[in-house]
C-alpha atoms as a PDB file:
ATOM      1  CA  MET A   1     -19.653   0.997  12.214  1.00  0.00           C
ATOM      2  CA  ILE A   2     -15.318   0.845  11.177  1.00  0.00           C
ATOM      3  CA  LYS A   3     -12.882   3.110  13.882  1.00  0.00           C
ATOM      4  CA  LYS A   4     -11.412   5.407  10.772  1.00  0.00           C
ATOM      5  CA  VAL A   5      -7.784   5.923  11.177  1.00  0.00           C
ATOM      6  CA  LYS A   6      -5.939   9.854  10.896  1.00  0.00           C
ATOM      7  CA  ILE A   7      -3.356  10.290   8.634  1.00  0.00           C
ATOM      8  CA  GLY A   8      -0.320  12.222   9.863  1.00  0.00           C
ATOM      9  CA  LYS A   9      -0.866  15.439  11.016  1.00  0.00           C
ATOM     10  CA  THR A  10      -3.676  16.012   8.277  1.00  0.00           C
ATOM     11  CA  ALA A  11      -7.826  15.512   8.704  1.00  0.00           C
ATOM     12  CA  ILE A  12      -7.817  12.539   6.354  1.00  0.00           C
ATOM     13  CA  GLU A  13      -9.772   9.892   7.756  1.00  0.00           C
ATOM     14  CA  ALA A  14      -9.471   6.087   5.935  1.00  0.00           C
ATOM     15  CA  THR A  15     -10.338   2.678   7.125  1.00  0.00           C
ATOM     16  CA  PRO A  16      -7.713   0.724   8.825  1.00  0.00           C
ATOM     17  CA  LEU A  17      -7.468  -1.520   5.628  1.00  0.00           C
ATOM     18  CA  GLY A  18      -7.150  -0.259   1.957  1.00  0.00           C
ATOM     19  CA  LEU A  19      -6.443  -1.505  -1.540  1.00  0.00           C
ATOM     20  CA  GLY A  20      -3.459  -1.361  -3.143  1.00  0.00           C
ATOM     21  CA  THR A  21      -4.114  -1.590  -7.040  1.00  0.00           C
ATOM     22  CA  ASN A  22      -1.043  -2.467  -8.868  1.00  0.00           C
ATOM     23  CA  ALA A  23      -3.224  -5.213 -10.318  1.00  0.00           C
ATOM     24  CA  VAL A  24      -5.598  -2.674 -11.638  1.00  0.00           C
ATOM     25  CA  GLY A  25      -4.295  -1.559 -15.080  1.00  0.00           C
ATOM     26  CA  GLY A  26      -0.889  -2.941 -13.835  1.00  0.00           C
ATOM     27  CA  HIS A  27      -0.657  -4.651 -17.098  1.00  0.00           C
ATOM     28  CA  ASN A  28       3.389  -3.889 -16.973  1.00  0.00           C
ATOM     29  CA  LEU A  29       3.514  -5.689 -13.890  1.00  0.00           C
ATOM     30  CA  PHE A  30       1.230  -8.870 -14.116  1.00  0.00           C
ATOM     31  CA  PRO A  31       0.449 -10.670 -17.160  1.00  0.00           C
ATOM     32  CA  ASN A  32      -3.365 -11.470 -18.457  1.00  0.00           C
ATOM     33  CA  LEU A  33      -4.587  -8.764 -16.178  1.00  0.00           C
ATOM     34  CA  ASN A  34      -8.112  -7.860 -17.477  1.00  0.00           C
ATOM     35  CA  ASP A  35      -9.445  -3.518 -17.131  1.00  0.00           C
ATOM     36  CA  ALA A  36     -13.058  -4.643 -16.741  1.00  0.00           C
ATOM     37  CA  GLN A  37     -12.168  -6.893 -13.641  1.00  0.00           C
ATOM     38  CA  GLY A  38     -10.026  -3.744 -12.524  1.00  0.00           C
ATOM     39  CA  VAL A  39     -13.023  -1.339 -12.322  1.00  0.00           C
ATOM     40  CA  ALA A  40     -15.070  -3.902 -10.642  1.00  0.00           C
ATOM     41  CA  ILE A  41     -11.816  -4.789  -7.806  1.00  0.00           C
ATOM     42  CA  VAL A  42     -12.020  -0.551  -6.912  1.00  0.00           C
ATOM     43  CA  LYS A  43     -15.324  -0.823  -7.097  1.00  0.00           C
ATOM     44  CA  THR A  44     -16.147  -4.472  -4.966  1.00  0.00           C
ATOM     45  CA  ALA A  45     -13.518  -2.251  -2.651  1.00  0.00           C
ATOM     46  CA  LEU A  46     -15.667   0.915  -2.282  1.00  0.00           C
ATOM     47  CA  ASP A  47     -19.001  -1.387  -1.731  1.00  0.00           C
ATOM     48  CA  ASN A  48     -17.396  -3.666   1.104  1.00  0.00           C
ATOM     49  CA  GLY A  49     -16.591  -0.763   3.122  1.00  0.00           C
ATOM     50  CA  ILE A  50     -12.904  -0.168   2.012  1.00  0.00           C
ATOM     51  CA  ASN A  51     -12.416   3.744   1.436  1.00  0.00           C
ATOM     52  CA  PHE A  52      -8.487   3.903   0.486  1.00  0.00           C
ATOM     53  CA  LEU A  53      -7.114   3.190  -2.597  1.00  0.00           C
ATOM     54  CA  ASP A  54      -3.416   3.262  -2.956  1.00  0.00           C
ATOM     55  CA  THR A  55      -2.394   3.605  -6.876  1.00  0.00           C
ATOM     56  CA  ALA A  56       1.001   4.853  -8.696  1.00  0.00           C
ATOM     57  CA  TYR A  57       1.338   5.925 -12.146  1.00  0.00           C
ATOM     58  CA  ALA A  58       3.944   3.208 -12.059  1.00  0.00           C
ATOM     59  CA  TYR A  59       0.930   1.020 -12.330  1.00  0.00           C
ATOM     60  CA  GLY A  60       0.411   0.771 -16.240  1.00  0.00           C
ATOM     61  CA  PHE A  61       1.998   3.824 -16.688  1.00  0.00           C
ATOM     62  CA  GLY A  62      -1.118   5.784 -16.001  1.00  0.00           C
ATOM     63  CA  ARG A  63      -3.157   3.049 -16.745  1.00  0.00           C
ATOM     64  CA  SER A  64      -4.405   2.304 -12.882  1.00  0.00           C
ATOM     65  CA  GLU A  65      -5.449   5.568 -12.291  1.00  0.00           C
ATOM     66  CA  GLU A  66      -7.651   6.142 -15.386  1.00  0.00           C
ATOM     67  CA  LEU A  67      -9.319   2.985 -14.328  1.00  0.00           C
ATOM     68  CA  ILE A  68      -9.428   4.038 -10.616  1.00  0.00           C
ATOM     69  CA  GLY A  69     -10.958   7.018 -11.983  1.00  0.00           C
ATOM     70  CA  GLN A  70     -13.559   5.575 -14.198  1.00  0.00           C
ATOM     71  CA  ALA A  71     -14.392   3.097 -10.995  1.00  0.00           C
ATOM     72  CA  ILE A  72     -15.433   6.181  -8.459  1.00  0.00           C
ATOM     73  CA  GLN A  73     -17.965   7.917 -10.770  1.00  0.00           C
ATOM     74  CA  GLY A  74     -21.302   8.221  -9.072  1.00  0.00           C
ATOM     75  CA  TYR A  75     -19.847   7.146  -5.563  1.00  0.00           C
ATOM     76  CA  ASP A  76     -19.224  10.271  -3.363  1.00  0.00           C
ATOM     77  CA  ARG A  77     -15.643  11.524  -3.565  1.00  0.00           C
ATOM     78  CA  LYS A  78     -15.330  12.862   0.005  1.00  0.00           C
ATOM     79  CA  LYS A  79     -16.080   9.587   1.581  1.00  0.00           C
ATOM     80  CA  ILE A  80     -13.233   8.381  -0.449  1.00  0.00           C
ATOM     81  CA  VAL A  81      -8.995   8.733  -0.525  1.00  0.00           C
ATOM     82  CA  ILE A  82      -6.911   8.488  -3.127  1.00  0.00           C
ATOM     83  CA  ALA A  83      -3.534   7.329  -3.149  1.00  0.00           C
ATOM     84  CA  THR A  84      -1.241   8.068  -6.071  1.00  0.00           C
ATOM     85  CA  LYS A  85       2.742   8.491  -6.512  1.00  0.00           C
ATOM     86  CA  ALA A  86       4.948   9.445  -9.462  1.00  0.00           C
ATOM     87  CA  ALA A  87       8.348   9.170 -10.129  1.00  0.00           C
ATOM     88  CA  GLN A  88       9.169   7.350 -13.201  1.00  0.00           C
ATOM     89  CA  THR A  89       9.396   9.836 -16.361  1.00  0.00           C
ATOM     90  CA  PRO A  90       6.705   9.308 -19.176  1.00  0.00           C
ATOM     91  CA  GLY A  91       8.168   7.179 -21.738  1.00  0.00           C
ATOM     92  CA  HIS A  92      11.538   6.237 -19.954  1.00  0.00           C
ATOM     93  CA  PRO A  93      10.202   4.812 -16.591  1.00  0.00           C
ATOM     94  CA  GLU A  94      13.722   3.603 -16.410  1.00  0.00           C
ATOM     95  CA  LYS A  95      14.433   7.637 -15.386  1.00  0.00           C
ATOM     96  CA  ILE A  96      13.215   8.812 -11.791  1.00  0.00           C
ATOM     97  CA  ASP A  97      12.657  12.294 -11.434  1.00  0.00           C
ATOM     98  CA  ASN A  98      11.960  14.321  -7.825  1.00  0.00           C
ATOM     99  CA  SER A  99      12.636  17.507  -9.787  1.00  0.00           C
ATOM    100  CA  PRO A 100      10.495  20.143  -8.247  1.00  0.00           C
ATOM    101  CA  ALA A 101       9.136  20.818 -12.012  1.00  0.00           C
ATOM    102  CA  PHE A 102       8.579  17.632 -12.154  1.00  0.00           C
ATOM    103  CA  LEU A 103       6.634  16.969  -9.443  1.00  0.00           C
ATOM    104  CA  LYS A 104       3.972  19.538  -9.805  1.00  0.00           C
ATOM    105  CA  GLN A 105       3.473  18.139 -13.585  1.00  0.00           C
ATOM    106  CA  ALA A 106       2.670  14.751 -12.044  1.00  0.00           C
ATOM    107  CA  VAL A 107       0.280  15.679  -9.543  1.00  0.00           C
ATOM    108  CA  GLU A 108      -2.081  17.906 -12.519  1.00  0.00           C
ATOM    109  CA  ALA A 109      -1.632  14.860 -15.087  1.00  0.00           C
ATOM    110  CA  ALA A 110      -2.648  12.255 -12.045  1.00  0.00           C
ATOM    111  CA  LEU A 111      -5.588  14.648 -11.472  1.00  0.00           C
ATOM    112  CA  LYS A 112      -6.571  14.157 -14.910  1.00  0.00           C
ATOM    113  CA  ARG A 113      -6.590  10.409 -15.180  1.00  0.00           C
ATOM    114  CA  LEU A 114      -8.369   9.660 -11.713  1.00  0.00           C
ATOM    115  CA  GLN A 115     -10.791  12.411 -13.000  1.00  0.00           C
ATOM    116  CA  THR A 116     -11.049  14.708 -10.173  1.00  0.00           C
ATOM    117  CA  ASP A 117      -9.621  17.851  -8.566  1.00  0.00           C
ATOM    118  CA  TYR A 118      -7.913  16.726  -5.354  1.00  0.00           C
ATOM    119  CA  ILE A 119      -5.555  13.448  -4.917  1.00  0.00           C
ATOM    120  CA  ASP A 120      -5.784  12.949  -0.598  1.00  0.00           C
ATOM    121  CA  ILE A 121      -2.555  11.442  -0.918  1.00  0.00           C
ATOM    122  CA  PHE A 122       0.176  12.122  -2.948  1.00  0.00           C
ATOM    123  CA  TYR A 123       3.933  10.275  -3.068  1.00  0.00           C
ATOM    124  CA  ILE A 124       7.297  10.618  -3.944  1.00  0.00           C
ATOM    125  CA  HIS A 125       7.317   7.116  -5.270  1.00  0.00           C
ATOM    126  CA  PHE A 126      11.102   6.359  -5.117  1.00  0.00           C
ATOM    127  CA  PRO A 127      14.290   9.486  -4.511  1.00  0.00           C
ATOM    128  CA  ASP A 128      16.201   9.757  -7.507  1.00  0.00           C
ATOM    129  CA  GLY A 129      19.198  10.050  -5.617  1.00  0.00           C
ATOM    130  CA  LYS A 130      19.747  13.946  -6.487  1.00  0.00           C
ATOM    131  CA  THR A 131      17.121  16.077  -5.674  1.00  0.00           C
ATOM    132  CA  PRO A 132      17.483  17.205  -2.361  1.00  0.00           C
ATOM    133  CA  LEU A 133      14.327  15.307  -0.462  1.00  0.00           C
ATOM    134  CA  ASN A 134      13.157  18.603   1.437  1.00  0.00           C
ATOM    135  CA  GLU A 135      12.895  20.551  -2.009  1.00  0.00           C
ATOM    136  CA  ALA A 136      10.923  18.114  -3.576  1.00  0.00           C
ATOM    137  CA  VAL A 137       8.703  17.663  -0.695  1.00  0.00           C
ATOM    138  CA  LYS A 138       8.429  21.665  -1.000  1.00  0.00           C
ATOM    139  CA  ALA A 139       7.031  21.413  -4.130  1.00  0.00           C
ATOM    140  CA  LEU A 140       4.115  18.896  -3.179  1.00  0.00           C
ATOM    141  CA  ASP A 141       3.817  21.463  -0.866  1.00  0.00           C
ATOM    142  CA  GLU A 142       2.859  24.078  -2.597  1.00  0.00           C
ATOM    143  CA  LYS A 143       0.290  22.031  -4.350  1.00  0.00           C
ATOM    144  CA  ARG A 144      -0.918  21.738  -1.074  1.00  0.00           C
ATOM    145  CA  GLN A 145      -1.513  24.979  -0.676  1.00  0.00           C
ATOM    146  CA  GLU A 146      -3.748  25.373  -4.155  1.00  0.00           C
ATOM    147  CA  GLY A 147      -5.801  22.193  -2.758  1.00  0.00           C
ATOM    148  CA  LYS A 148      -4.240  20.072  -5.303  1.00  0.00           C
ATOM    149  CA  ILE A 149      -3.299  17.509  -3.045  1.00  0.00           C
ATOM    150  CA  LYS A 150      -3.982  17.447   0.890  1.00  0.00           C
ATOM    151  CA  ALA A 151      -1.198  14.825   1.994  1.00  0.00           C
ATOM    152  CA  ILE A 152       2.550  14.420   1.215  1.00  0.00           C
ATOM    153  CA  GLY A 153       3.633  11.352   1.060  1.00  0.00           C
ATOM    154  CA  ILE A 154       7.467   9.147   0.223  1.00  0.00           C
ATOM    155  CA  SER A 155       7.502   5.745  -0.709  1.00  0.00           C
ATOM    156  CA  ASN A 156      10.799   3.509  -0.667  1.00  0.00           C
ATOM    157  CA  VAL A 157      13.211   5.661   1.268  1.00  0.00           C
ATOM    158  CA  SER A 158      15.558   4.522   4.256  1.00  0.00           C
ATOM    159  CA  LEU A 159      15.715   6.560   7.134  1.00  0.00           C
ATOM    160  CA  ALA A 160      18.045   9.211   6.276  1.00  0.00           C
ATOM    161  CA  GLN A 161      15.824  10.093   3.841  1.00  0.00           C
ATOM    162  CA  VAL A 162      12.936   9.758   5.344  1.00  0.00           C
ATOM    163  CA  LYS A 163      14.753  12.823   7.886  1.00  0.00           C
ATOM    164  CA  GLU A 164      15.820  14.566   5.058  1.00  0.00           C
ATOM    165  CA  ALA A 165      12.310  14.723   3.422  1.00  0.00           C
ATOM    166  CA  ASN A 166      10.815  15.549   6.819  1.00  0.00           C
ATOM    167  CA  GLN A 167      13.580  18.692   7.383  1.00  0.00           C
ATOM    168  CA  ASP A 168      10.288  21.180   7.339  1.00  0.00           C
ATOM    169  CA  GLY A 169       8.019  18.597   9.156  1.00  0.00           C
ATOM    170  CA  LEU A 170       6.221  18.582   5.535  1.00  0.00           C
ATOM    171  CA  VAL A 171       5.561  15.149   5.344  1.00  0.00           C
ATOM    172  CA  ASP A 172       2.330  12.907   6.241  1.00  0.00           C
ATOM    173  CA  VAL A 173       2.693   9.715   5.258  1.00  0.00           C
ATOM    174  CA  VAL A 174       5.827   7.280   4.198  1.00  0.00           C
ATOM    175  CA  GLU A 175       5.024   4.183   2.828  1.00  0.00           C
ATOM    176  CA  ASN A 176       7.666   1.236   2.817  1.00  0.00           C
ATOM    177  CA  GLN A 177       7.675  -2.865   2.102  1.00  0.00           C
ATOM    178  CA  TYR A 178       6.999  -4.055   5.564  1.00  0.00           C
ATOM    179  CA  SER A 179       5.293  -7.524   6.321  1.00  0.00           C
ATOM    180  CA  LEU A 180       5.486 -10.454   9.187  1.00  0.00           C
ATOM    181  CA  LEU A 181       8.124 -11.571   6.486  1.00  0.00           C
ATOM    182  CA  HIS A 182      10.466  -8.359   6.261  1.00  0.00           C
ATOM    183  CA  ALA A 183       9.842  -6.408   9.601  1.00  0.00           C
ATOM    184  CA  GLN A 184      13.138  -4.307   8.949  1.00  0.00           C
ATOM    185  CA  ALA A 185      10.910  -1.325   9.501  1.00  0.00           C
ATOM    186  CA  GLU A 186      10.571  -1.655  13.255  1.00  0.00           C
ATOM    187  CA  LYS A 187      14.168  -1.211  14.387  1.00  0.00           C
ATOM    188  CA  GLU A 188      14.366   2.640  13.598  1.00  0.00           C
ATOM    189  CA  LEU A 189      11.910   3.672  10.862  1.00  0.00           C
ATOM    190  CA  MET A 190       8.718   3.269  12.972  1.00  0.00           C
ATOM    191  CA  PRO A 191       9.782   4.641  16.265  1.00  0.00           C
ATOM    192  CA  TYR A 192      10.606   7.904  14.509  1.00  0.00           C
ATOM    193  CA  LEU A 193       7.486   8.244  12.521  1.00  0.00           C
ATOM    194  CA  LYS A 194       5.652   7.794  15.956  1.00  0.00           C
ATOM    195  CA  ALA A 195       6.977  10.480  17.259  1.00  0.00           C
ATOM    196  CA  ASN A 196       7.176  12.441  14.137  1.00  0.00           C
ATOM    197  CA  GLN A 197       3.151  11.912  13.793  1.00  0.00           C
ATOM    198  CA  ILE A 198       3.983  10.116  10.572  1.00  0.00           C
ATOM    199  CA  SER A 199       1.362   7.790   9.241  1.00  0.00           C
ATOM    200  CA  PHE A 200       2.671   4.101   8.116  1.00  0.00           C
ATOM    201  CA  VAL A 201       1.096   2.510   5.057  1.00  0.00           C
ATOM    202  CA  PRO A 202       2.849  -0.802   4.312  1.00  0.00           C
ATOM    203  CA  PHE A 203       3.324  -2.339   0.923  1.00  0.00           C
ATOM    204  CA  PHE A 204       3.402  -5.992   0.088  1.00  0.00           C
ATOM    205  CA  PRO A 205       1.840  -7.271   3.864  1.00  0.00           C
ATOM    206  CA  LEU A 206       1.175 -10.500   2.700  1.00  0.00           C
ATOM    207  CA  ALA A 207       4.394 -11.037   0.799  1.00  0.00           C
ATOM    208  CA  SER A 208       2.985 -11.453  -2.630  1.00  0.00           C
ATOM    209  CA  GLY A 209       0.301 -13.778  -1.286  1.00  0.00           C
ATOM    210  CA  LEU A 210       2.512 -15.884   1.051  1.00  0.00           C
ATOM    211  CA  LEU A 211       0.740 -15.466   4.076  1.00  0.00           C
ATOM    212  CA  THR A 212      -2.802 -16.061   3.183  1.00  0.00           C
ATOM    213  CA  GLY A 213      -1.772 -19.649   3.020  1.00  0.00           C
ATOM    214  CA  LYS A 214      -2.847 -20.894  -0.286  1.00  0.00           C
ATOM    215  CA  TYR A 215       0.411 -21.980  -0.999  1.00  0.00           C
ATOM    216  CA  THR A 216       1.802 -25.373   0.567  1.00  0.00           C
ATOM    217  CA  GLU A 217       4.441 -26.796  -2.221  1.00  0.00           C
ATOM    218  CA  ALA A 218       7.170 -25.104  -4.214  1.00  0.00           C
ATOM    219  CA  VAL A 219       5.529 -22.917  -7.169  1.00  0.00           C
ATOM    220  CA  SER A 220       7.322 -21.396 -10.191  1.00  0.00           C
ATOM    221  CA  PHE A 221       6.093 -17.856 -12.120  1.00  0.00           C
ATOM    222  CA  ASP A 222       6.357 -16.615 -15.441  1.00  0.00           C
ATOM    223  CA  THR A 223       9.279 -14.435 -16.226  1.00  0.00           C
ATOM    224  CA  ASP A 224       6.770 -10.940 -16.714  1.00  0.00           C
ATOM    225  CA  ASP A 225       5.538 -11.942 -12.915  1.00  0.00           C
ATOM    226  CA  ILE A 226       6.819  -9.973 -10.627  1.00  0.00           C
ATOM    227  CA  ARG A 227       7.122 -12.786  -7.879  1.00  0.00           C
ATOM    228  CA  HIS A 228       9.627 -14.674 -10.147  1.00  0.00           C
ATOM    229  CA  ARG A 229      13.122 -12.986  -9.110  1.00  0.00           C
ATOM    230  CA  ASN A 230      11.467 -13.669  -5.210  1.00  0.00           C
ATOM    231  CA  PRO A 231      13.908 -15.235  -2.761  1.00  0.00           C
ATOM    232  CA  ASP A 232      10.885 -15.882  -0.424  1.00  0.00           C
ATOM    233  CA  PHE A 233       9.325 -18.394  -3.513  1.00  0.00           C
ATOM    234  CA  ARG A 234      12.765 -20.712  -2.980  1.00  0.00           C
ATOM    235  CA  GLY A 235      13.882 -23.454  -1.005  1.00  0.00           C
ATOM    236  CA  ALA A 236      14.055 -24.186   2.682  1.00  0.00           C
ATOM    237  CA  ARG A 237      13.022 -20.622   2.977  1.00  0.00           C
ATOM    238  CA  PHE A 238      10.027 -21.043   1.230  1.00  0.00           C
ATOM    239  CA  ALA A 239       9.534 -23.902   3.086  1.00  0.00           C
ATOM    240  CA  LYS A 240      10.032 -22.643   6.376  1.00  0.00           C
ATOM    241  CA  ILE A 241       7.334 -19.986   5.575  1.00  0.00           C
ATOM    242  CA  VAL A 242       4.690 -22.187   4.454  1.00  0.00           C
ATOM    243  CA  ASN A 243       5.038 -24.225   7.643  1.00  0.00           C
ATOM    244  CA  ARG A 244       4.546 -21.030   9.723  1.00  0.00           C
ATOM    245  CA  VAL A 245       1.601 -19.861   7.827  1.00  0.00           C
ATOM    246  CA  GLN A 246      -0.043 -23.330   8.071  1.00  0.00           C
ATOM    247  CA  GLN A 247       0.283 -22.985  11.828  1.00  0.00           C
ATOM    248  CA  LEU A 248      -2.104 -20.155  11.880  1.00  0.00           C
ATOM    249  CA  GLN A 249      -5.068 -22.309  10.988  1.00  0.00           C
ATOM    250  CA  PRO A 250      -6.201 -23.208  14.094  1.00  0.00           C
ATOM    251  CA  VAL A 251      -6.335 -19.488  15.076  1.00  0.00           C
ATOM    252  CA  ALA A 252      -8.176 -19.040  11.746  1.00  0.00           C
ATOM    253  CA  ASP A 253     -10.540 -21.794  12.733  1.00  0.00           C
ATOM    254  CA  LYS A 254     -11.069 -20.158  15.854  1.00  0.00           C
ATOM    255  CA  HIS A 255     -12.730 -16.685  14.848  1.00  0.00           C
ATOM    256  CA  LYS A 256     -14.410 -18.929  11.410  1.00  0.00           C
ATOM    257  CA  VAL A 257     -12.418 -16.900   8.989  1.00  0.00           C
ATOM    258  CA  THR A 258      -9.302 -17.381   6.551  1.00  0.00           C
ATOM    259  CA  ILE A 259      -5.340 -17.324   7.430  1.00  0.00           C
ATOM    260  CA  ALA A 260      -5.341 -14.553   4.907  1.00  0.00           C
ATOM    261  CA  GLN A 261      -8.103 -12.631   7.064  1.00  0.00           C
ATOM    262  CA  ILE A 262      -6.364 -13.156  10.455  1.00  0.00           C
ATOM    263  CA  ILE A 263      -3.133 -11.863   8.766  1.00  0.00           C
ATOM    264  CA  LEU A 264      -4.777  -8.557   7.934  1.00  0.00           C
ATOM    265  CA  ALA A 265      -6.340  -8.330  11.218  1.00  0.00           C
ATOM    266  CA  TRP A 266      -3.228  -8.280  12.518  1.00  0.00           C
ATOM    267  CA  TYR A 267      -1.714  -5.432  10.839  1.00  0.00           C
ATOM    268  CA  ILE A 268      -4.738  -3.908  11.697  1.00  0.00           C
ATOM    269  CA  LYS A 269      -4.165  -4.437  15.083  1.00  0.00           C
ATOM    270  CA  ASN A 270      -0.578  -3.228  14.809  1.00  0.00           C
ATOM    271  CA  PRO A 271      -0.120   0.304  16.459  1.00  0.00           C
ATOM    272  CA  ASP A 272       2.938   1.234  14.149  1.00  0.00           C
ATOM    273  CA  VAL A 273       0.636   0.068  11.005  1.00  0.00           C
ATOM    274  CA  SER A 274      -2.050   2.918  10.344  1.00  0.00           C
ATOM    275  CA  VAL A 275      -3.482   1.468   7.063  1.00  0.00           C
ATOM    276  CA  VAL A 276      -2.691  -1.817   5.587  1.00  0.00           C
ATOM    277  CA  ILE A 277      -3.135  -1.951   1.653  1.00  0.00           C
ATOM    278  CA  PRO A 278      -3.515  -5.608   0.146  1.00  0.00           C
ATOM    279  CA  GLY A 279      -3.523  -6.158  -3.567  1.00  0.00           C
ATOM    280  CA  ALA A 280      -6.004  -7.870  -5.322  1.00  0.00           C
ATOM    281  CA  LYS A 281      -6.905  -9.520  -8.411  1.00  0.00           C
ATOM    282  CA  GLN A 282     -10.447 -10.891  -8.188  1.00  0.00           C
ATOM    283  CA  ALA A 283     -13.280  -8.630  -6.571  1.00  0.00           C
ATOM    284  CA  LYS A 284     -13.935 -11.517  -4.412  1.00  0.00           C
ATOM    285  CA  GLN A 285     -10.094 -11.458  -2.602  1.00  0.00           C
ATOM    286  CA  VAL A 286     -10.934  -8.241  -1.561  1.00  0.00           C
ATOM    287  CA  ALA A 287     -14.657  -8.379  -0.394  1.00  0.00           C
ATOM    288  CA  ALA A 288     -13.065 -11.194   1.870  1.00  0.00           C
ATOM    289  CA  ASN A 289     -10.225  -8.834   2.611  1.00  0.00           C
ATOM    290  CA  ALA A 290     -12.943  -6.222   3.904  1.00  0.00           C
ATOM    291  CA  LYS A 291     -14.132  -8.702   6.644  1.00  0.00           C
ATOM    292  CA  ALA A 292     -10.792  -8.788   8.176  1.00  0.00           C
ATOM    293  CA  GLN A 293     -11.823  -5.409   9.538  1.00  0.00           C
ATOM    294  CA  ASN A 294     -14.393  -7.056  11.883  1.00  0.00           C
ATOM    295  CA  ILE A 295     -11.565  -9.609  13.495  1.00  0.00           C
ATOM    296  CA  THR A 296     -10.936  -8.377  16.907  1.00  0.00           C
ATOM    297  CA  LEU A 297      -7.537 -10.163  18.008  1.00  0.00           C
ATOM    298  CA  SER A 298      -6.940 -11.021  21.515  1.00  0.00           C
ATOM    299  CA  GLN A 299      -3.473  -9.400  22.835  1.00  0.00           C
ATOM    300  CA  GLU A 300      -2.488 -13.059  23.480  1.00  0.00           C
ATOM    301  CA  GLU A 301      -3.084 -14.286  19.198  1.00  0.00           C
ATOM    302  CA  TYR A 302      -1.158 -10.840  18.237  1.00  0.00           C
ATOM    303  CA  ASP A 303       1.525 -11.691  20.028  1.00  0.00           C
ATOM    304  CA  THR A 304       1.500 -15.627  18.774  1.00  0.00           C
ATOM    305  CA  ILE A 305       1.337 -14.240  15.212  1.00  0.00           C
ATOM    306  CA  ARG A 306       4.354 -12.200  15.935  1.00  0.00           C
ATOM    307  CA  SER A 307       6.230 -14.958  17.364  1.00  0.00           C
ATOM    308  CA  LEU A 308       5.925 -17.711  14.735  1.00  0.00           C
ATOM    309  CA  PHE A 309       7.471 -15.388  12.162  1.00  0.00           C
ATOM    310  CA  LYS A 310       9.954 -13.657  14.461  1.00  0.00           C
ATOM    311  CA  ASP A 311      13.286 -15.179  12.768  1.00  0.00           C
ATOM    312  CA  LEU A 312      12.209 -15.483   9.554  1.00  0.00           C
END
């Protein structure tokens, strides 16, 4: 039985491994996505002991939410944790809005697309730089009191912004970039979150596939792929990352699993990470990722993995 994780100060219980769905309907982020495949990805997660689905309006401008709404039909909604996000203005995605009126309307629109009467976690996807974040959070708290959402999250935020948003102690979750390659959150953010009972959900935990072991030599991506401008995929840094990842093979062999599964098991063991949300473009990847929940790393293995990437 997989031990569930409590989200913030709420009663929400999630599996420690979730599904990031930017490749489910995220046609604006990845080329050649297939909607039927997207629905299959979500169903595969639910069928393999993953109950946490992370989406956003920004993934296909509502399309990801629509596909998830289709995929969850026939499942017990009470057993599923749905997290979504909003900030982009429909029709003008470059315009970020955190105004109370916008956020309240965004909750209602997301409910319709998801075909549900409540959303477990609703995030402010990006700060707009002008709306005081504690006022934006208060607007979401009104939706929480109406029963439309269960928990309030903020994403892509600095520690100062987290403190501003949490002035009234209403923030339950922070979702920021964090991985073995991008561990800046460990310095100041994570201690604050722990002290304030705020859950942490890292995005890009597999560093766009770099930490899965599938890359062995230099690669290039189409200009419409979000990895195209990523410095991790270039030159000496890329070569160093690939070398370190390959050093994990003996640990993977010992557990009879893949490198990707070992990396995910590392996040699951990490006391500062609540739910890890790898994405997937194929249903078989989701089924494979789900197996990470059954791996128990020793403390020595955990520390070895951490030290391997410390200087990156």
